[in-house]
Amino acid sequence: MTGSAEPQLEIAAPALRGAAMPLLALTDISKRFRTDRQDTLALDRVSLDVRRGEVVCIVGPSGCGKSTLLNIAAGIDTQFDGTATFEGDPITGMGSERAVVFQEPALFPWLNVRANVEFGLKLRHVPKEQRKAIVDQQLALVNLTRFDRAYIHELSGGMKQRVQLARALAVEPHMLMMDEPFAALDAQTRDDLQLELQSVAQRLGATVLFVTHNVREAVILGDRVVVMSRGPGRVHRVIDVPLERPRTPDDHAVADYAAIVRAELQESSAEGEPRYAI
């Protein structure tokens, strides 16, 4: 059963979120994509912080720069204006302390489930017995223990995402960055994985930056929901979601907060009636 907290809005400026240093701090981030024919401003002075142990979800229309912002935070894209820091240090590239989970599982089809989860540990030269213990733990966490010898083509879409999540968690990242990982899944599988991610995040105290088009998913998963405007992307509103966990799509309080987020998305839209999944 979810809590009955009264829905409320909060505009959150990174510098005003308390004295503790945020784990991730993005300040005045702007990003342009230039070609011979056009110059497109994708992000315009976006500022956002993520504190240790919280789940922050980003929603917004297609083309507003959600994935671009995540790529900057992950160190995949290093060509931008503004300041991006992680644990107080400038982000200059990718790092094992920031694990990325993509919409399409980036798994190795020639390896079985166990070998995929183990891959990052091998790169870090973790001893064999320690690798086995870590992989066993992560497979149990995502309910894949009995499929550890299966190959990727033998798995469903939801199981592939569980493997990707287990592999990300195996290297003990300080933050998970997830770019619409459940978007291509059927509704039931998506609901199941939303519950699993809540459970994993609570048990591990994980910090997560999660991009989604699905408003209700953002409310189910997020401690805060960042609403972005149409391109060029700007932070329109940050909404606290102080509901108890676990949360499900059928919870009345989740529906109430989803309605608030959707209203903010419509307000932020420069033109027309955007379509959002709720």
Protein backbone atom coordinates (compact mmCIF):
# COMPACT_ATOMS: atom_id res chain seq x y z
CA MET A 1 0.00 0.00 0.00
CA THR A 2 1.40 3.39 -0.93
CA GLY A 3 1.40 6.41 1.32
CA SER A 4 -1.28 9.07 1.11
CA ALA A 5 1.02 12.05 0.94
CA GLU A 6 -0.58 15.12 -0.61
CA PRO A 7 0.89 15.76 -4.07
CA GLN A 8 3.04 18.86 -4.10
CA LEU A 9 5.49 20.58 -6.41
CA GLU A 10 9.01 21.69 -5.75
CA ILE A 11 11.33 23.63 -8.02
CA ALA A 12 14.75 22.31 -7.02
CA ALA A 13 17.90 24.28 -7.75
CA PRO A 14 21.07 22.19 -7.35
CA ALA A 15 22.76 24.72 -5.08
CA LEU A 16 19.79 24.74 -2.73
CA ARG A 17 19.44 21.00 -2.09
CA GLY A 18 21.34 21.00 1.22
CA ALA A 19 24.88 21.24 2.45
CA ALA A 20 26.09 17.78 1.40
CA MET A 21 27.89 17.54 -1.93
CA PRO A 22 25.67 15.84 -4.54
CA LEU A 23 26.97 12.62 -6.07
CA LEU A 24 26.27 13.99 -9.55
CA ALA A 25 26.17 17.73 -10.28
CA LEU A 26 25.28 19.10 -13.70
CA THR A 27 25.47 22.89 -13.88
CA ASP A 28 24.42 25.09 -16.81
CA ILE A 29 24.81 22.25 -19.32
CA SER A 30 24.31 23.29 -22.94
CA LYS A 31 24.79 21.05 -25.95
CA ARG A 32 24.77 21.81 -29.67
CA PHE A 33 24.73 19.41 -32.59
CA ARG A 34 26.35 21.00 -35.63
CA THR A 35 26.30 19.78 -39.22
CA ASP A 36 27.03 21.48 -42.55
CA ARG A 37 23.35 22.30 -42.91
CA GLN A 38 22.18 23.19 -39.42
CA ASP A 39 23.12 24.08 -35.87
CA THR A 40 20.75 22.59 -33.28
CA LEU A 41 20.70 23.57 -29.63
CA ALA A 42 19.69 20.35 -27.85
CA LEU A 43 20.18 21.41 -24.21
CA ASP A 44 20.04 24.95 -22.87
CA ARG A 45 21.62 25.68 -19.47
CA VAL A 46 20.34 22.57 -17.71
CA SER A 47 21.23 22.22 -14.03
CA LEU A 48 20.50 19.09 -12.03
CA ASP A 49 21.93 17.30 -9.03
CA VAL A 50 21.50 13.72 -7.83
CA ARG A 51 22.14 12.88 -4.19
CA ARG A 52 23.56 9.57 -3.01
CA GLY A 53 20.88 6.90 -2.54
CA GLU A 54 18.08 8.58 -4.51
CA VAL A 55 16.34 7.69 -7.76
CA VAL A 56 15.85 10.63 -10.12
CA CYS A 57 13.71 10.16 -13.22
CA ILE A 58 13.79 12.45 -16.25
CA VAL A 59 10.71 12.82 -18.47
CA GLY A 60 10.00 15.03 -21.44
CA PRO A 61 8.95 15.07 -25.11
CA SER A 62 10.95 13.25 -27.75
CA GLY A 63 13.89 15.38 -28.80
CA CYS A 64 14.11 17.37 -25.56
CA GLY A 65 17.60 16.05 -24.77
CA LYS A 66 16.90 13.49 -22.03
CA SER A 67 19.25 10.87 -23.43
CA THR A 68 21.80 13.53 -24.37
CA LEU A 69 21.86 14.70 -20.75
CA LEU A 70 22.31 11.12 -19.51
CA ASN A 71 25.15 10.59 -22.01
CA ILE A 72 26.90 13.66 -20.63
CA ALA A 73 26.44 12.43 -17.06
CA ALA A 74 27.77 9.00 -18.06
CA GLY A 75 30.81 10.48 -19.78
CA ILE A 76 29.79 9.11 -23.19
CA ASP A 77 29.49 12.66 -24.57
CA THR A 78 32.24 15.03 -23.41
CA GLN A 79 31.64 17.87 -25.89
CA PHE A 80 29.35 20.33 -24.09
CA ASP A 81 29.26 23.69 -22.35
CA GLY A 82 28.82 23.92 -18.59
CA THR A 83 30.13 21.84 -15.71
CA ALA A 84 29.57 18.15 -14.96
CA THR A 85 31.07 16.58 -11.85
CA PHE A 86 30.79 13.19 -10.16
CA GLU A 87 31.81 12.88 -6.52
CA GLY A 88 33.30 16.35 -6.88
CA ASP A 89 35.56 15.48 -9.83
CA PRO A 90 35.03 16.69 -13.42
CA ILE A 91 33.48 14.11 -15.74
CA THR A 92 35.97 13.67 -18.58
CA GLY A 93 34.89 10.26 -19.86
CA MET A 94 33.25 7.00 -18.89
CA GLY A 95 34.15 5.32 -15.62
CA SER A 96 33.35 2.08 -13.79
CA GLU A 97 31.77 4.09 -10.97
CA ARG A 98 28.95 4.98 -13.41
CA ALA A 99 27.23 1.99 -15.04
CA VAL A 100 24.87 2.52 -18.00
CA VAL A 101 21.87 0.33 -18.81
CA PHE A 102 20.48 0.95 -22.32
CA GLN A 103 17.07 0.34 -23.90
CA GLU A 104 18.56 -2.38 -26.13
CA PRO A 105 20.52 -4.86 -23.99
CA ALA A 106 24.20 -4.54 -24.91
CA LEU A 107 24.96 -8.20 -24.23
CA PHE A 108 27.43 -10.59 -25.85
CA PRO A 109 25.47 -13.30 -27.72
CA TRP A 110 28.41 -15.73 -27.76
CA LEU A 111 28.53 -15.72 -23.93
CA ASN A 112 26.00 -17.27 -21.60
CA VAL A 113 24.22 -15.37 -18.84
CA ARG A 114 26.88 -16.05 -16.20
CA ALA A 115 29.72 -15.04 -18.51
CA ASN A 116 27.94 -11.81 -19.48
CA VAL A 117 27.46 -10.82 -15.85
CA GLU A 118 31.05 -11.78 -15.10
CA PHE A 119 32.54 -9.82 -17.99
CA GLY A 120 33.26 -6.54 -16.20
CA LEU A 121 34.74 -8.37 -13.24
CA LYS A 122 37.21 -10.15 -15.52
CA LEU A 123 38.28 -6.82 -16.99
CA ARG A 124 39.04 -5.67 -13.46
CA HIS A 125 41.04 -8.85 -12.76
CA VAL A 126 38.82 -9.92 -9.87
CA PRO A 127 39.93 -13.40 -8.65
CA LYS A 128 37.91 -16.35 -9.95
CA GLU A 129 36.34 -17.42 -6.65
CA GLN A 130 35.38 -13.86 -5.82
CA ARG A 131 33.88 -13.44 -9.31
CA LYS A 132 31.76 -16.55 -8.80
CA ALA A 133 30.43 -15.30 -5.47
CA ILE A 134 29.57 -11.87 -6.90
CA VAL A 135 27.86 -13.31 -9.98
CA ASP A 136 25.87 -15.76 -7.85
CA GLN A 137 24.70 -12.87 -5.68
CA GLN A 138 23.67 -10.68 -8.62
CA LEU A 139 21.86 -13.46 -10.46
CA ALA A 140 19.89 -14.24 -7.30
CA LEU A 141 19.08 -10.54 -6.91
CA VAL A 142 17.43 -10.41 -10.36
CA ASN A 143 15.90 -13.90 -10.16
CA LEU A 144 18.04 -15.49 -12.89
CA THR A 145 19.96 -18.14 -10.94
CA ARG A 146 18.46 -21.10 -12.81
CA PHE A 147 19.18 -19.47 -16.19
CA ASP A 148 22.88 -18.86 -15.59
CA ARG A 149 23.96 -21.24 -18.40
CA ALA A 150 21.41 -19.96 -20.94
CA TYR A 151 22.52 -17.98 -23.98
CA ILE A 152 21.12 -14.58 -24.87
CA HIS A 153 19.01 -15.80 -27.81
CA GLU A 154 17.21 -18.14 -25.41
CA LEU A 155 16.00 -15.31 -23.17
CA SER A 156 12.91 -13.10 -23.25
CA GLY A 157 13.23 -9.33 -23.47
CA GLY A 158 12.65 -8.92 -19.75
CA MET A 159 15.26 -11.56 -18.91
CA LYS A 160 17.81 -9.82 -21.13
CA GLN A 161 17.25 -6.59 -19.21
CA ARG A 162 17.71 -8.48 -15.95
CA VAL A 163 21.06 -9.76 -17.24
CA GLN A 164 22.07 -6.22 -18.20
CA LEU A 165 21.09 -4.95 -14.75
CA ALA A 166 22.99 -7.77 -13.01
CA ARG A 167 26.10 -7.06 -15.07
CA ALA A 168 25.90 -3.36 -14.19
CA LEU A 169 25.49 -4.08 -10.47
CA ALA A 170 28.27 -6.68 -10.40
CA VAL A 171 31.01 -4.04 -10.66
CA GLU A 172 29.47 -2.15 -7.70
CA PRO A 173 28.97 1.21 -9.45
CA HIS A 174 28.29 4.30 -7.40
CA MET A 175 25.45 5.21 -9.77
CA LEU A 176 23.23 3.42 -12.27
CA MET A 177 22.28 5.41 -15.37
CA MET A 178 19.34 3.87 -17.21
CA ASP A 179 18.13 5.08 -20.61
CA GLU A 180 14.55 3.86 -21.17
CA PRO A 181 15.49 0.26 -20.31
CA PHE A 182 11.89 -0.97 -20.13
CA ALA A 183 10.43 0.91 -23.13
CA ALA A 184 10.39 -2.03 -25.55
CA LEU A 185 8.90 -4.54 -23.10
CA ASP A 186 5.29 -5.68 -22.78
CA ALA A 187 3.20 -4.09 -20.02
CA GLN A 188 3.33 -7.03 -17.60
CA THR A 189 7.09 -7.47 -17.91
CA ARG A 190 7.60 -3.73 -17.48
CA ASP A 191 5.49 -3.74 -14.30
CA ASP A 192 7.49 -6.69 -12.95
CA LEU A 193 10.83 -5.01 -13.65
CA GLN A 194 9.69 -1.76 -12.07
CA LEU A 195 9.00 -3.69 -8.87
CA GLU A 196 12.34 -5.49 -9.11
CA LEU A 197 14.25 -2.25 -9.65
CA GLN A 198 12.54 -0.69 -6.61
CA SER A 199 13.52 -3.73 -4.54
CA VAL A 200 17.13 -3.71 -5.77
CA ALA A 201 17.51 0.04 -5.22
CA GLN A 202 16.15 -0.20 -1.68
CA ARG A 203 18.23 -3.24 -0.72
CA LEU A 204 21.46 -1.82 -2.08
CA GLY A 205 20.83 1.86 -1.39
CA ALA A 206 21.48 2.41 -5.10
CA THR A 207 21.65 5.82 -6.76
CA VAL A 208 19.84 5.86 -10.11
CA LEU A 209 19.38 8.37 -12.93
CA PHE A 210 16.53 7.03 -15.07
CA VAL A 211 15.28 8.37 -18.42
CA THR A 212 11.76 7.47 -19.53
CA HIS A 213 8.86 8.62 -21.70
CA ASN A 214 6.39 6.95 -19.36
CA VAL A 215 5.01 9.35 -16.76
CA ARG A 216 3.61 6.69 -14.46
CA GLU A 217 6.89 4.76 -14.59
CA ALA A 218 8.73 7.91 -13.51
CA VAL A 219 6.39 8.32 -10.52
CA ILE A 220 6.66 4.63 -9.58
CA LEU A 221 10.47 4.67 -9.59
CA GLY A 222 11.48 8.22 -8.76
CA ASP A 223 12.13 10.02 -5.50
CA ARG A 224 12.13 13.07 -7.75
CA VAL A 225 10.83 13.56 -11.30
CA VAL A 226 12.56 16.10 -13.54
CA VAL A 227 10.20 17.52 -16.17
CA MET A 228 11.98 18.83 -19.26
CA SER A 229 10.59 21.20 -21.88
CA ARG A 230 10.56 20.75 -25.63
CA GLY A 231 13.87 21.26 -27.42
CA PRO A 232 16.04 23.00 -26.68
CA GLY A 233 15.76 21.01 -23.47
CA ARG A 234 15.46 22.95 -20.22
CA VAL A 235 14.39 21.88 -16.73
CA HIS A 236 10.78 23.01 -16.46
CA ARG A 237 9.99 21.59 -13.03
CA VAL A 238 11.31 19.13 -10.43
CA ILE A 239 8.60 17.24 -8.54
CA ASP A 240 9.22 15.39 -5.27
CA VAL A 241 7.40 12.03 -4.97
CA PRO A 242 7.29 11.23 -1.23
CA LEU A 243 5.33 7.96 -1.53
CA GLU A 244 6.05 4.74 0.33
CA ARG A 245 7.48 1.74 -1.53
CA PRO A 246 6.84 -0.57 -3.21
CA ARG A 247 4.71 1.38 -5.68
CA THR A 248 2.61 -0.15 -8.45
CA PRO A 249 0.80 1.29 -11.49
CA ASP A 250 -2.57 0.66 -9.83
CA ASP A 251 -1.88 2.74 -6.71
CA HIS A 252 -4.21 5.74 -6.49
CA ALA A 253 -1.43 7.99 -5.17
CA VAL A 254 0.76 7.05 -8.15
CA ALA A 255 -2.06 8.01 -10.51
CA ASP A 256 -2.47 11.34 -8.70
CA TYR A 257 1.20 12.20 -9.04
CA ALA A 258 1.24 11.01 -12.66
CA ALA A 259 -1.58 13.47 -13.40
CA ILE A 260 0.48 16.29 -11.87
CA VAL A 261 3.56 15.37 -13.90
CA ARG A 262 1.52 15.12 -17.10
CA ALA A 263 0.02 18.57 -16.46
CA GLU A 264 3.52 20.00 -16.04
CA LEU A 265 4.60 18.33 -19.29
CA GLN A 266 1.68 19.90 -21.11
CA GLU A 267 2.48 23.30 -19.61
CA SER A 268 6.10 23.00 -20.69
CA SER A 269 5.16 22.15 -24.24
CA ALA A 270 5.80 25.02 -26.63
CA GLU A 271 3.09 23.95 -29.04
CA GLY A 272 0.46 21.30 -29.60
CA GLU A 273 -0.72 18.50 -27.35
CA PRO A 274 2.15 16.06 -26.71
CA ARG A 275 1.37 12.40 -26.21
CA TYR A 276 2.61 10.77 -23.03
CA ALA A 277 2.08 7.30 -21.68
CA ILE A 278 0.56 7.30 -18.19
